[in-house]
């Protein structure tokens, strides 16, 4: 969701979104159908995005990391990074019902908009 909104609002494809757990195979390496649907309802198509696990290689050339989970579950290479890290605790929508997924979507949307204007 965050990657989709960042790319949508910035008209850029530079955002990389990745999870701390390797769950790609569980979801066929794509967002769940519900997440794709609620994003599409808000005018953002994320159907071509892939579910990835964060890696050290992803941080090459990065100036800011936005983490949407508790700091203690992040990999050590993020917590100990010299890169600016911003933490925001947001529930993972992958295990949520429709209404909760919409609320999470809206929370992520507002966060991304605020990050783009800061």
PDB file of N, CA and C in Angstrom:
ATOM      1  N   UNK A   1       0.815  -1.187   0.000  1.00  0.00           N
ATOM      2  CA  UNK A   1       0.000   0.000   0.000  1.00  0.00           C
ATOM      3  C   UNK A   1       0.866   1.262   0.000  1.00  0.00           C
ATOM      4  N   UNK A   2       1.861   1.295   0.883  1.00  0.00           N
ATOM      5  CA  UNK A   2       2.717   2.479   0.977  1.00  0.00           C
ATOM      6  C   UNK A   2       3.475   2.710  -0.326  1.00  0.00           C
ATOM      7  N   UNK A   3       4.011   1.649  -0.899  1.00  0.00           N
ATOM      8  CA  UNK A   3       4.723   1.766  -2.176  1.00  0.00           C
ATOM      9  C   UNK A   3       3.785   2.288  -3.257  1.00  0.00           C
ATOM     10  N   UNK A   4       2.583   1.764  -3.307  1.00  0.00           N
ATOM     11  CA  UNK A   4       1.602   2.199  -4.300  1.00  0.00           C
ATOM     12  C   UNK A   4       1.245   3.662  -4.148  1.00  0.00           C
ATOM     13  N   UNK A   5       0.981   4.102  -2.916  1.00  0.00           N
ATOM     14  CA  UNK A   5       0.649   5.513  -2.696  1.00  0.00           C
ATOM     15  C   UNK A   5       1.838   6.421  -2.982  1.00  0.00           C
ATOM     16  N   UNK A   6       3.027   6.022  -2.556  1.00  0.00           N
ATOM     17  CA  UNK A   6       4.204   6.848  -2.836  1.00  0.00           C
ATOM     18  C   UNK A   6       4.367   7.045  -4.340  1.00  0.00           C
ATOM     19  N   UNK A   7       4.330   5.965  -5.074  1.00  0.00           N
ATOM     20  CA  UNK A   7       4.508   6.057  -6.522  1.00  0.00           C
ATOM     21  C   UNK A   7       3.370   6.837  -7.171  1.00  0.00           C
ATOM     22  N   UNK A   8       2.156   6.687  -6.661  1.00  0.00           N
ATOM     23  CA  UNK A   8       0.993   7.395  -7.201  1.00  0.00           C
ATOM     24  C   UNK A   8       1.104   8.903  -6.965  1.00  0.00           C
ATOM     25  N   UNK A   9       1.353   9.298  -5.725  1.00  0.00           N
ATOM     26  CA  UNK A   9       1.380  10.719  -5.386  1.00  0.00           C
ATOM     27  C   UNK A   9       2.631  11.434  -5.884  1.00  0.00           C
ATOM     28  N   UNK A  10       3.747  10.736  -5.970  1.00  0.00           N
ATOM     29  CA  UNK A  10       4.994  11.381  -6.394  1.00  0.00           C
ATOM     30  C   UNK A  10       5.216  11.273  -7.898  1.00  0.00           C
ATOM     31  N   UNK A  11       4.356  10.507  -8.579  1.00  0.00           N
ATOM     32  CA  UNK A  11       4.515  10.253 -10.024  1.00  0.00           C
ATOM     33  C   UNK A  11       5.908   9.703 -10.304  1.00  0.00           C
ATOM     34  N   UNK A  12       6.340   8.843  -9.412  1.00  0.00           N
ATOM     35  CA  UNK A  12       7.679   8.270  -9.454  1.00  0.00           C
ATOM     36  C   UNK A  12       7.532   6.783  -9.156  1.00  0.00           C
ATOM     37  N   UNK A  13       8.422   5.993  -9.637  1.00  0.00           N
ATOM     38  CA  UNK A  13       8.383   4.564  -9.330  1.00  0.00           C
ATOM     39  C   UNK A  13       9.550   4.188  -8.418  1.00  0.00           C
ATOM     40  N   UNK A  14      10.007   5.143  -7.604  1.00  0.00           N
ATOM     41  CA  UNK A  14      11.204   4.939  -6.807  1.00  0.00           C
ATOM     42  C   UNK A  14      11.016   4.275  -5.465  1.00  0.00           C
ATOM     43  N   UNK A  15       9.786   4.111  -5.007  1.00  0.00           N
ATOM     44  CA  UNK A  15       9.576   3.504  -3.693  1.00  0.00           C
ATOM     45  C   UNK A  15       9.777   1.999  -3.761  1.00  0.00           C
ATOM     46  N   UNK A  16      10.345   1.474  -2.712  1.00  0.00           N
ATOM     47  CA  UNK A  16      10.487   0.028  -2.567  1.00  0.00           C
ATOM     48  C   UNK A  16       9.825  -0.343  -1.248  1.00  0.00           C
ATOM     49  N   UNK A  17       8.917  -1.275  -1.306  1.00  0.00           N
ATOM     50  CA  UNK A  17       8.245  -1.747  -0.109  1.00  0.00           C
ATOM     51  C   UNK A  17       8.631  -3.196   0.121  1.00  0.00           C
ATOM     52  N   UNK A  18       8.931  -3.514   1.366  1.00  0.00           N
ATOM     53  CA  UNK A  18       9.322  -4.888   1.685  1.00  0.00           C
ATOM     54  C   UNK A  18       8.968  -5.184   3.130  1.00  0.00           C
ATOM     55  N   UNK A  19       8.663  -6.426   3.400  1.00  0.00           N
ATOM     56  CA  UNK A  19       8.325  -6.849   4.746  1.00  0.00           C
ATOM     57  C   UNK A  19       9.518  -7.419   5.480  1.00  0.00           C
ATOM     58  N   UNK A  20       9.371  -7.541   6.791  1.00  0.00           N
ATOM     59  CA  UNK A  20      10.460  -8.102   7.589  1.00  0.00           C
ATOM     60  C   UNK A  20      10.441  -9.626   7.570  1.00  0.00           C
ATOM     61  N   UNK A  21       9.306 -10.207   7.229  1.00  0.00           N
ATOM     62  CA  UNK A  21       9.195 -11.663   7.143  1.00  0.00           C
ATOM     63  C   UNK A  21       9.151 -12.092   5.684  1.00  0.00           C
ATOM     64  N   UNK A  22       9.659 -13.266   5.408  1.00  0.00           N
ATOM     65  CA  UNK A  22       9.659 -13.796   4.050  1.00  0.00           C
ATOM     66  C   UNK A  22       8.336 -14.523   3.800  1.00  0.00           C
ATOM     67  N   UNK A  23       7.311 -13.752   3.420  1.00  0.00           N
ATOM     68  CA  UNK A  23       5.981 -14.331   3.201  1.00  0.00           C
ATOM     69  C   UNK A  23       5.581 -14.315   1.731  1.00  0.00           C
ATOM     70  N   UNK A  24       6.492 -13.953   0.858  1.00  0.00           N
ATOM     71  CA  UNK A  24       6.167 -13.845  -0.563  1.00  0.00           C
ATOM     72  C   UNK A  24       5.516 -15.083  -1.132  1.00  0.00           C
ATOM     73  N   UNK A  25       6.085 -16.243  -0.892  1.00  0.00           N
ATOM     74  CA  UNK A  25       5.537 -17.486  -1.449  1.00  0.00           C
ATOM     75  C   UNK A  25       4.128 -17.749  -0.925  1.00  0.00           C
ATOM     76  N   UNK A  26       3.882 -17.383   0.321  1.00  0.00           N
ATOM     77  CA  UNK A  26       2.563 -17.594   0.925  1.00  0.00           C
ATOM     78  C   UNK A  26       1.480 -16.858   0.147  1.00  0.00           C
ATOM     79  N   UNK A  27       1.806 -15.695  -0.395  1.00  0.00           N
ATOM     80  CA  UNK A  27       0.842 -14.867  -1.124  1.00  0.00           C
ATOM     81  C   UNK A  27       1.116 -14.854  -2.623  1.00  0.00           C
ATOM     82  N   UNK A  28       1.833 -15.844  -3.108  1.00  0.00           N
ATOM     83  CA  UNK A  28       2.165 -15.917  -4.533  1.00  0.00           C
ATOM     84  C   UNK A  28       2.916 -14.654  -4.986  1.00  0.00           C
ATOM     85  N   UNK A  29       3.668 -14.073  -4.059  1.00  0.00           N
ATOM     86  CA  UNK A  29       4.513 -12.899  -4.323  1.00  0.00           C
ATOM     87  C   UNK A  29       3.719 -11.687  -4.810  1.00  0.00           C
ATOM     88  N   UNK A  30       2.453 -11.579  -4.409  1.00  0.00           N
ATOM     89  CA  UNK A  30       1.663 -10.400  -4.767  1.00  0.00           C
ATOM     90  C   UNK A  30       0.776 -10.019  -3.591  1.00  0.00           C
ATOM     91  N   UNK A  31       0.328  -8.767  -3.553  1.00  0.00           N
ATOM     92  CA  UNK A  31      -0.591  -8.378  -2.482  1.00  0.00           C
ATOM     93  C   UNK A  31      -1.860  -9.240  -2.532  1.00  0.00           C
ATOM     94  N   UNK A  32      -2.529  -9.345  -1.403  1.00  0.00           N
ATOM     95  CA  UNK A  32      -3.767 -10.128  -1.381  1.00  0.00           C
ATOM     96  C   UNK A  32      -4.815  -9.474  -2.275  1.00  0.00           C
ATOM     97  N   UNK A  33      -5.773 -10.269  -2.712  1.00  0.00           N
ATOM     98  CA  UNK A  33      -6.841  -9.743  -3.569  1.00  0.00           C
ATOM     99  C   UNK A  33      -7.597  -8.613  -2.887  1.00  0.00           C
ATOM    100  N   UNK A  34      -7.834  -8.730  -1.583  1.00  0.00           N
ATOM    101  CA  UNK A  34      -8.547  -7.683  -0.855  1.00  0.00           C
ATOM    102  C   UNK A  34      -7.749  -6.385  -0.842  1.00  0.00           C
ATOM    103  N   UNK A  35      -6.464  -6.471  -0.610  1.00  0.00           N
ATOM    104  CA  UNK A  35      -5.631  -5.263  -0.602  1.00  0.00           C
ATOM    105  C   UNK A  35      -5.620  -4.619  -1.985  1.00  0.00           C
ATOM    106  N   UNK A  36      -5.470  -5.409  -3.028  1.00  0.00           N
ATOM    107  CA  UNK A  36      -5.512  -4.878  -4.394  1.00  0.00           C
ATOM    108  C   UNK A  36      -6.851  -4.193  -4.644  1.00  0.00           C
ATOM    109  N   UNK A  37      -7.933  -4.820  -4.203  1.00  0.00           N
ATOM    110  CA  UNK A  37      -9.279  -4.283  -4.419  1.00  0.00           C
ATOM    111  C   UNK A  37      -9.490  -2.950  -3.710  1.00  0.00           C
ATOM    112  N   UNK A  38      -9.133  -2.854  -2.417  1.00  0.00           N
ATOM    113  CA  UNK A  38      -9.379  -1.600  -1.698  1.00  0.00           C
ATOM    114  C   UNK A  38      -8.464  -0.483  -2.197  1.00  0.00           C
ATOM    115  N   UNK A  39      -7.292  -0.818  -2.673  1.00  0.00           N
ATOM    116  CA  UNK A  39      -6.426   0.203  -3.271  1.00  0.00           C
ATOM    117  C   UNK A  39      -7.010   0.671  -4.603  1.00  0.00           C
ATOM    118  N   UNK A  40      -7.496  -0.250  -5.407  1.00  0.00           N
ATOM    119  CA  UNK A  40      -8.108   0.106  -6.693  1.00  0.00           C
ATOM    120  C   UNK A  40      -9.325   1.005  -6.472  1.00  0.00           C
ATOM    121  N   UNK A  41     -10.093   0.731  -5.422  1.00  0.00           N
ATOM    122  CA  UNK A  41     -11.249   1.570  -5.085  1.00  0.00           C
ATOM    123  C   UNK A  41     -10.829   3.006  -4.800  1.00  0.00           C
ATOM    124  N   UNK A  42      -9.595   3.197  -4.374  1.00  0.00           N
ATOM    125  CA  UNK A  42      -9.073   4.541  -4.096  1.00  0.00           C
ATOM    126  C   UNK A  42      -8.252   5.077  -5.268  1.00  0.00           C
ATOM    127  N   UNK A  43      -8.315   4.414  -6.412  1.00  0.00           N
ATOM    128  CA  UNK A  43      -7.671   4.912  -7.621  1.00  0.00           C
ATOM    129  C   UNK A  43      -6.217   4.530  -7.796  1.00  0.00           C
ATOM    130  N   UNK A  44      -5.728   3.558  -7.033  1.00  0.00           N
ATOM    131  CA  UNK A  44      -4.327   3.154  -7.121  1.00  0.00           C
ATOM    132  C   UNK A  44      -4.263   1.664  -7.460  1.00  0.00           C
ATOM    133  N   UNK A  45      -3.616   1.341  -8.571  1.00  0.00           N
ATOM    134  CA  UNK A  45      -3.492  -0.050  -9.009  1.00  0.00           C
ATOM    135  C   UNK A  45      -2.156  -0.617  -8.537  1.00  0.00           C
ATOM    136  N   UNK A  46      -2.215  -1.561  -7.616  1.00  0.00           N
ATOM    137  CA  UNK A  46      -0.986  -2.198  -7.115  1.00  0.00           C
ATOM    138  C   UNK A  46      -0.906  -3.657  -7.548  1.00  0.00           C
ATOM    139  N   UNK A  47      -1.707  -4.028  -8.525  1.00  0.00           N
ATOM    140  CA  UNK A  47      -1.768  -5.436  -8.930  1.00  0.00           C
ATOM    141  C   UNK A  47      -0.453  -5.953  -9.502  1.00  0.00           C
ATOM    142  N   UNK A  48       0.410  -5.059  -9.968  1.00  0.00           N
ATOM    143  CA  UNK A  48       1.696  -5.513 -10.516  1.00  0.00           C
ATOM    144  C   UNK A  48       2.822  -5.475  -9.482  1.00  0.00           C
ATOM    145  N   UNK A  49       2.534  -4.998  -8.270  1.00  0.00           N
ATOM    146  CA  UNK A  49       3.546  -4.989  -7.215  1.00  0.00           C
ATOM    147  C   UNK A  49       3.819  -6.407  -6.738  1.00  0.00           C
ATOM    148  N   UNK A  50       5.004  -6.594  -6.175  1.00  0.00           N
ATOM    149  CA  UNK A  50       5.335  -7.906  -5.627  1.00  0.00           C
ATOM    150  C   UNK A  50       5.603  -7.798  -4.129  1.00  0.00           C
ATOM    151  N   UNK A  51       5.342  -8.889  -3.428  1.00  0.00           N
ATOM    152  CA  UNK A  51       5.616  -8.980  -1.996  1.00  0.00           C
ATOM    153  C   UNK A  51       7.061  -9.426  -1.844  1.00  0.00           C
ATOM    154  N   UNK A  52       7.854  -8.608  -1.144  1.00  0.00           N
ATOM    155  CA  UNK A  52       9.284  -8.862  -1.014  1.00  0.00           C
ATOM    156  C   UNK A  52       9.686  -8.856   0.459  1.00  0.00           C
ATOM    157  N   UNK A  53      10.799  -9.487   0.759  1.00  0.00           N
ATOM    158  CA  UNK A  53      11.396  -9.403   2.090  1.00  0.00           C
ATOM    159  C   UNK A  53      12.532  -8.394   2.025  1.00  0.00           C
ATOM    160  N   UNK A  54      12.609  -7.525   3.030  1.00  0.00           N
ATOM    161  CA  UNK A  54      13.652  -6.509   3.049  1.00  0.00           C
ATOM    162  C   UNK A  54      15.028  -7.175   3.118  1.00  0.00           C
ATOM    163  N   UNK A  55      15.966  -6.564   2.406  1.00  0.00           N
ATOM    164  CA  UNK A  55      17.336  -7.083   2.398  1.00  0.00           C
ATOM    165  C   UNK A  55      18.314  -5.920   2.481  1.00  0.00           C
ATOM    166  N   UNK A  56      19.517  -6.222   2.879  1.00  0.00           N
ATOM    167  CA  UNK A  56      20.568  -5.215   2.970  1.00  0.00           C
ATOM    168  C   UNK A  56      20.817  -4.559   1.618  1.00  0.00           C
ATOM    169  N   UNK A  57      20.732  -5.332   0.550  1.00  0.00           N
ATOM    170  CA  UNK A  57      20.970  -4.800  -0.796  1.00  0.00           C
ATOM    171  C   UNK A  57      19.959  -3.716  -1.170  1.00  0.00           C
ATOM    172  N   UNK A  58      18.751  -3.791  -0.635  1.00  0.00           N
ATOM    173  CA  UNK A  58      17.723  -2.790  -0.934  1.00  0.00           C
ATOM    174  C   UNK A  58      18.086  -1.414  -0.394  1.00  0.00           C
ATOM    175  N   UNK A  59      18.998  -1.354   0.564  1.00  0.00           N
ATOM    176  CA  UNK A  59      19.330  -0.090   1.213  1.00  0.00           C
ATOM    177  C   UNK A  59      20.412   0.699   0.487  1.00  0.00           C
ATOM    178  N   UNK A  60      21.011   0.115  -0.527  1.00  0.00           N
ATOM    179  CA  UNK A  60      22.069   0.803  -1.275  1.00  0.00           C
ATOM    180  C   UNK A  60      21.480   2.048  -1.939  1.00  0.00           C
ATOM    181  N   UNK A  61      22.050   3.198  -1.636  1.00  0.00           N
ATOM    182  CA  UNK A  61      21.610   4.454  -2.228  1.00  0.00           C
ATOM    183  C   UNK A  61      20.383   5.068  -1.579  1.00  0.00           C
ATOM    184  N   UNK A  62      19.866   4.449  -0.534  1.00  0.00           N
ATOM    185  CA  UNK A  62      18.662   4.932   0.140  1.00  0.00           C
ATOM    186  C   UNK A  62      19.043   6.000   1.164  1.00  0.00           C
ATOM    187  N   UNK A  63      18.242   7.074   1.236  1.00  0.00           N
ATOM    188  CA  UNK A  63      18.512   8.138   2.200  1.00  0.00           C
ATOM    189  C   UNK A  63      17.544   8.131   3.374  1.00  0.00           C
ATOM    190  N   UNK A  64      16.421   7.429   3.205  1.00  0.00           N
ATOM    191  CA  UNK A  64      15.434   7.378   4.288  1.00  0.00           C
ATOM    192  C   UNK A  64      14.687   6.051   4.222  1.00  0.00           C
ATOM    193  N   UNK A  65      14.463   5.473   5.396  1.00  0.00           N
ATOM    194  CA  UNK A  65      13.692   4.241   5.514  1.00  0.00           C
ATOM    195  C   UNK A  65      12.477   4.554   6.379  1.00  0.00           C
ATOM    196  N   UNK A  66      11.306   4.183   5.903  1.00  0.00           N
ATOM    197  CA  UNK A  66      10.087   4.334   6.683  1.00  0.00           C
ATOM    198  C   UNK A  66       9.623   2.929   7.054  1.00  0.00           C
ATOM    199  N   UNK A  67       9.573   2.674   8.339  1.00  0.00           N
ATOM    200  CA  UNK A  67       9.226   1.353   8.853  1.00  0.00           C
ATOM    201  C   UNK A  67       7.803   1.414   9.404  1.00  0.00           C
ATOM    202  N   UNK A  68       6.960   0.472   8.979  1.00  0.00           N
ATOM    203  CA  UNK A  68       5.565   0.468   9.407  1.00  0.00           C
ATOM    204  C   UNK A  68       5.278  -0.654  10.404  1.00  0.00           C
ATOM    205  N   UNK A  69       6.237  -0.932  11.262  1.00  0.00           N
ATOM    206  CA  UNK A  69       6.055  -1.951  12.300  1.00  0.00           C
ATOM    207  C   UNK A  69       6.859  -1.540  13.528  1.00  0.00           C
ATOM    208  N   UNK A  70       6.803  -2.370  14.550  1.00  0.00           N
ATOM    209  CA  UNK A  70       7.537  -2.092  15.775  1.00  0.00           C
ATOM    210  C   UNK A  70       9.041  -2.191  15.516  1.00  0.00           C
ATOM    211  N   UNK A  71       9.827  -1.260  16.047  1.00  0.00           N
ATOM    212  CA  UNK A  71      11.275  -1.280  15.813  1.00  0.00           C
ATOM    213  C   UNK A  71      11.939  -2.601  16.192  1.00  0.00           C
ATOM    214  N   UNK A  72      11.468  -3.236  17.258  1.00  0.00           N
ATOM    215  CA  UNK A  72      12.142  -4.446  17.736  1.00  0.00           C
ATOM    216  C   UNK A  72      12.005  -5.643  16.799  1.00  0.00           C
ATOM    217  N   UNK A  73      11.067  -5.615  15.859  1.00  0.00           N
ATOM    218  CA  UNK A  73      10.970  -6.745  14.926  1.00  0.00           C
ATOM    219  C   UNK A  73      11.695  -6.488  13.608  1.00  0.00           C
ATOM    220  N   UNK A  74      12.275  -5.303  13.475  1.00  0.00           N
ATOM    221  CA  UNK A  74      13.055  -4.985  12.273  1.00  0.00           C
ATOM    222  C   UNK A  74      14.394  -5.711  12.301  1.00  0.00           C
ATOM    223  N   UNK A  75      14.916  -6.044  11.146  1.00  0.00           N
ATOM    224  CA  UNK A  75      16.252  -6.647  11.101  1.00  0.00           C
ATOM    225  C   UNK A  75      17.293  -5.706  11.710  1.00  0.00           C
ATOM    226  N   UNK A  76      18.310  -6.267  12.285  1.00  0.00           N
ATOM    227  CA  UNK A  76      19.378  -5.491  12.916  1.00  0.00           C
ATOM    228  C   UNK A  76      20.001  -4.517  11.926  1.00  0.00           C
ATOM    229  N   UNK A  77      20.153  -4.925  10.659  1.00  0.00           N
ATOM    230  CA  UNK A  77      20.796  -4.034   9.696  1.00  0.00           C
ATOM    231  C   UNK A  77      19.987  -2.763   9.445  1.00  0.00           C
ATOM    232  N   UNK A  78      18.696  -2.760   9.754  1.00  0.00           N
ATOM    233  CA  UNK A  78      17.910  -1.523   9.672  1.00  0.00           C
ATOM    234  C   UNK A  78      18.062  -0.739  10.966  1.00  0.00           C
ATOM    235  N   UNK A  79      17.893  -1.397  12.096  1.00  0.00           N
ATOM    236  CA  UNK A  79      18.001  -0.709  13.394  1.00  0.00           C
ATOM    237  C   UNK A  79      19.368  -0.070  13.585  1.00  0.00           C
ATOM    238  N   UNK A  80      20.425  -0.706  13.092  1.00  0.00           N
ATOM    239  CA  UNK A  80      21.785  -0.201  13.269  1.00  0.00           C
ATOM    240  C   UNK A  80      22.269   0.639  12.091  1.00  0.00           C
ATOM    241  N   UNK A  81      21.398   0.913  11.161  1.00  0.00           N
ATOM    242  CA  UNK A  81      21.780   1.630   9.948  1.00  0.00           C
ATOM    243  C   UNK A  81      22.102   3.094  10.236  1.00  0.00           C
ATOM    244  N   UNK A  82      22.984   3.667   9.439  1.00  0.00           N
ATOM    245  CA  UNK A  82      23.269   5.101   9.525  1.00  0.00           C
ATOM    246  C   UNK A  82      22.259   5.902   8.706  1.00  0.00           C
ATOM    247  N   UNK A  83      21.383   5.206   7.999  1.00  0.00           N
ATOM    248  CA  UNK A  83      20.327   5.845   7.211  1.00  0.00           C
ATOM    249  C   UNK A  83      19.236   6.327   8.167  1.00  0.00           C
ATOM    250  N   UNK A  84      18.626   7.461   7.849  1.00  0.00           N
ATOM    251  CA  UNK A  84      17.516   7.975   8.644  1.00  0.00           C
ATOM    252  C   UNK A  84      16.359   6.973   8.623  1.00  0.00           C
ATOM    253  N   UNK A  85      15.915   6.548   9.808  1.00  0.00           N
ATOM    254  CA  UNK A  85      14.822   5.578   9.915  1.00  0.00           C
ATOM    255  C   UNK A  85      13.670   6.219  10.681  1.00  0.00           C
ATOM    256  N   UNK A  86      12.487   6.202  10.085  1.00  0.00           N
ATOM    257  CA  UNK A  86      11.273   6.705  10.719  1.00  0.00           C
ATOM    258  C   UNK A  86      10.374   5.511  11.016  1.00  0.00           C
ATOM    259  N   UNK A  87       9.909   5.412  12.252  1.00  0.00           N
ATOM    260  CA  UNK A  87       9.065   4.289  12.650  1.00  0.00           C
ATOM    261  C   UNK A  87       7.622   4.746  12.826  1.00  0.00           C
ATOM    262  N   UNK A  88       6.707   4.008  12.238  1.00  0.00           N
ATOM    263  CA  UNK A  88       5.267   4.226  12.389  1.00  0.00           C
ATOM    264  C   UNK A  88       4.635   2.849  12.557  1.00  0.00           C
ATOM    265  N   UNK A  89       3.967   2.628  13.662  1.00  0.00           N
ATOM    266  CA  UNK A  89       3.361   1.316  13.898  1.00  0.00           C
ATOM    267  C   UNK A  89       1.983   1.264  13.247  1.00  0.00           C
ATOM    268  N   UNK A  90       1.884   0.470  12.205  1.00  0.00           N
ATOM    269  CA  UNK A  90       0.635   0.291  11.469  1.00  0.00           C
ATOM    270  C   UNK A  90       0.386  -1.208  11.344  1.00  0.00           C
ATOM    271  N   UNK A  91      -0.845  -1.608  11.556  1.00  0.00           N
ATOM    272  CA  UNK A  91      -1.219  -3.021  11.473  1.00  0.00           C
ATOM    273  C   UNK A  91      -1.036  -3.541  10.056  1.00  0.00           C
ATOM    274  N   UNK A  92      -0.538  -4.751   9.936  1.00  0.00           N
ATOM    275  CA  UNK A  92      -0.385  -5.392   8.631  1.00  0.00           C
ATOM    276  C   UNK A  92      -1.771  -5.727   8.093  1.00  0.00           C
ATOM    277  N   UNK A  93      -2.148  -5.193   6.937  1.00  0.00           N
ATOM    278  CA  UNK A  93      -3.490  -5.444   6.409  1.00  0.00           C
ATOM    279  C   UNK A  93      -3.683  -6.853   5.855  1.00  0.00           C
ATOM    280  N   UNK A  94      -2.622  -7.609   5.701  1.00  0.00           N
ATOM    281  CA  UNK A  94      -2.723  -8.939   5.082  1.00  0.00           C
ATOM    282  C   UNK A  94      -3.624  -9.887   5.863  1.00  0.00           C
ATOM    283  N   UNK A  95      -3.799  -9.639   7.149  1.00  0.00           N
ATOM    284  CA  UNK A  95      -4.605 -10.539   7.979  1.00  0.00           C
ATOM    285  C   UNK A  95      -5.866  -9.861   8.493  1.00  0.00           C
ATOM    286  N   UNK A  96      -6.304  -8.814   7.822  1.00  0.00           N
ATOM    287  CA  UNK A  96      -7.437  -8.025   8.294  1.00  0.00           C
ATOM    288  C   UNK A  96      -8.650  -8.212   7.396  1.00  0.00           C
ATOM    289  N   UNK A  97      -9.816  -7.940   7.958  1.00  0.00           N
ATOM    290  CA  UNK A  97     -11.048  -7.952   7.184  1.00  0.00           C
ATOM    291  C   UNK A  97     -11.165  -6.688   6.341  1.00  0.00           C
ATOM    292  N   UNK A  98     -12.229  -6.596   5.580  1.00  0.00           N
ATOM    293  CA  UNK A  98     -12.412  -5.489   4.644  1.00  0.00           C
ATOM    294  C   UNK A  98     -12.403  -4.115   5.329  1.00  0.00           C
ATOM    295  N   UNK A  99     -13.218  -3.929   6.353  1.00  0.00           N
ATOM    296  CA  UNK A  99     -13.304  -2.614   7.000  1.00  0.00           C
ATOM    297  C   UNK A  99     -11.969  -2.219   7.629  1.00  0.00           C
ATOM    298  N   UNK A 100     -11.317  -3.156   8.289  1.00  0.00           N
ATOM    299  CA  UNK A 100     -10.009  -2.865   8.884  1.00  0.00           C
ATOM    300  C   UNK A 100      -8.982  -2.554   7.800  1.00  0.00           C
ATOM    301  N   UNK A 101      -9.043  -3.265   6.682  1.00  0.00           N
ATOM    302  CA  UNK A 101      -8.107  -3.020   5.578  1.00  0.00           C
ATOM    303  C   UNK A 101      -8.306  -1.624   5.013  1.00  0.00           C
ATOM    304  N   UNK A 102      -9.547  -1.180   4.912  1.00  0.00           N
ATOM    305  CA  UNK A 102      -9.830   0.181   4.435  1.00  0.00           C
ATOM    306  C   UNK A 102      -9.276   1.205   5.418  1.00  0.00           C
ATOM    307  N   UNK A 103      -9.458   0.976   6.718  1.00  0.00           N
ATOM    308  CA  UNK A 103      -8.920   1.903   7.723  1.00  0.00           C
ATOM    309  C   UNK A 103      -7.396   1.955   7.656  1.00  0.00           C
ATOM    310  N   UNK A 104      -6.762   0.801   7.515  1.00  0.00           N
ATOM    311  CA  UNK A 104      -5.302   0.744   7.401  1.00  0.00           C
ATOM    312  C   UNK A 104      -4.856   1.453   6.130  1.00  0.00           C
ATOM    313  N   UNK A 105      -5.563   1.210   5.025  1.00  0.00           N
ATOM    314  CA  UNK A 105      -5.255   1.889   3.759  1.00  0.00           C
ATOM    315  C   UNK A 105      -5.281   3.397   3.950  1.00  0.00           C
ATOM    316  N   UNK A 106      -6.330   3.904   4.588  1.00  0.00           N
ATOM    317  CA  UNK A 106      -6.463   5.346   4.784  1.00  0.00           C
ATOM    318  C   UNK A 106      -5.356   5.902   5.681  1.00  0.00           C
ATOM    319  N   UNK A 107      -4.973   5.138   6.692  1.00  0.00           N
ATOM    320  CA  UNK A 107      -3.882   5.552   7.580  1.00  0.00           C
ATOM    321  C   UNK A 107      -2.561   5.616   6.807  1.00  0.00           C
ATOM    322  N   UNK A 108      -2.303   4.616   5.996  1.00  0.00           N
ATOM    323  CA  UNK A 108      -1.078   4.595   5.188  1.00  0.00           C
ATOM    324  C   UNK A 108      -1.093   5.727   4.172  1.00  0.00           C
ATOM    325  N   UNK A 109      -2.229   5.973   3.560  1.00  0.00           N
ATOM    326  CA  UNK A 109      -2.361   7.063   2.580  1.00  0.00           C
ATOM    327  C   UNK A 109      -1.984   8.402   3.217  1.00  0.00           C
ATOM    328  N   UNK A 110      -2.536   8.688   4.392  1.00  0.00           N
ATOM    329  CA  UNK A 110      -2.243   9.955   5.064  1.00  0.00           C
ATOM    330  C   UNK A 110      -0.776  10.042   5.475  1.00  0.00           C
ATOM    331  N   UNK A 111      -0.212   8.935   5.916  1.00  0.00           N
ATOM    332  CA  UNK A 111       1.206   8.916   6.278  1.00  0.00           C
ATOM    333  C   UNK A 111       2.073   9.235   5.069  1.00  0.00           C
ATOM    334  N   UNK A 112       1.810   8.592   3.955  1.00  0.00           N
ATOM    335  CA  UNK A 112       2.608   8.827   2.743  1.00  0.00           C
ATOM    336  C   UNK A 112       2.466  10.276   2.292  1.00  0.00           C
ATOM    337  N   UNK A 113       1.262  10.809   2.313  1.00  0.00           N
ATOM    338  CA  UNK A 113       1.066  12.210   1.918  1.00  0.00           C
ATOM    339  C   UNK A 113       1.863  13.144   2.825  1.00  0.00           C
ATOM    340  N   UNK A 114       1.863  12.861   4.130  1.00  0.00           N
ATOM    341  CA  UNK A 114       2.613  13.722   5.055  1.00  0.00           C
ATOM    342  C   UNK A 114       4.118  13.595   4.836  1.00  0.00           C
ATOM    343  N   UNK A 115       4.589  12.400   4.509  1.00  0.00           N
ATOM    344  CA  UNK A 115       6.021  12.217   4.241  1.00  0.00           C
ATOM    345  C   UNK A 115       6.449  12.953   2.978  1.00  0.00           C
ATOM    346  N   UNK A 116       5.582  12.991   1.992  1.00  0.00           N
ATOM    347  CA  UNK A 116       5.921  13.664   0.735  1.00  0.00           C
ATOM    348  C   UNK A 116       5.933  15.180   0.870  1.00  0.00           C
ATOM    349  N   UNK A 117       5.248  15.718   1.869  1.00  0.00           N
ATOM    350  CA  UNK A 117       5.223  17.168   2.050  1.00  0.00           C
ATOM    351  C   UNK A 117       6.193  17.634   3.127  1.00  0.00           C
ATOM    352  N   UNK A 118       6.894  16.686   3.760  1.00  0.00           N
ATOM    353  CA  UNK A 118       7.835  17.087   4.827  1.00  0.00           C
ATOM    354  C   UNK A 118       9.245  17.202   4.306  1.00  0.00           C
TER     355      UNK A 118
END
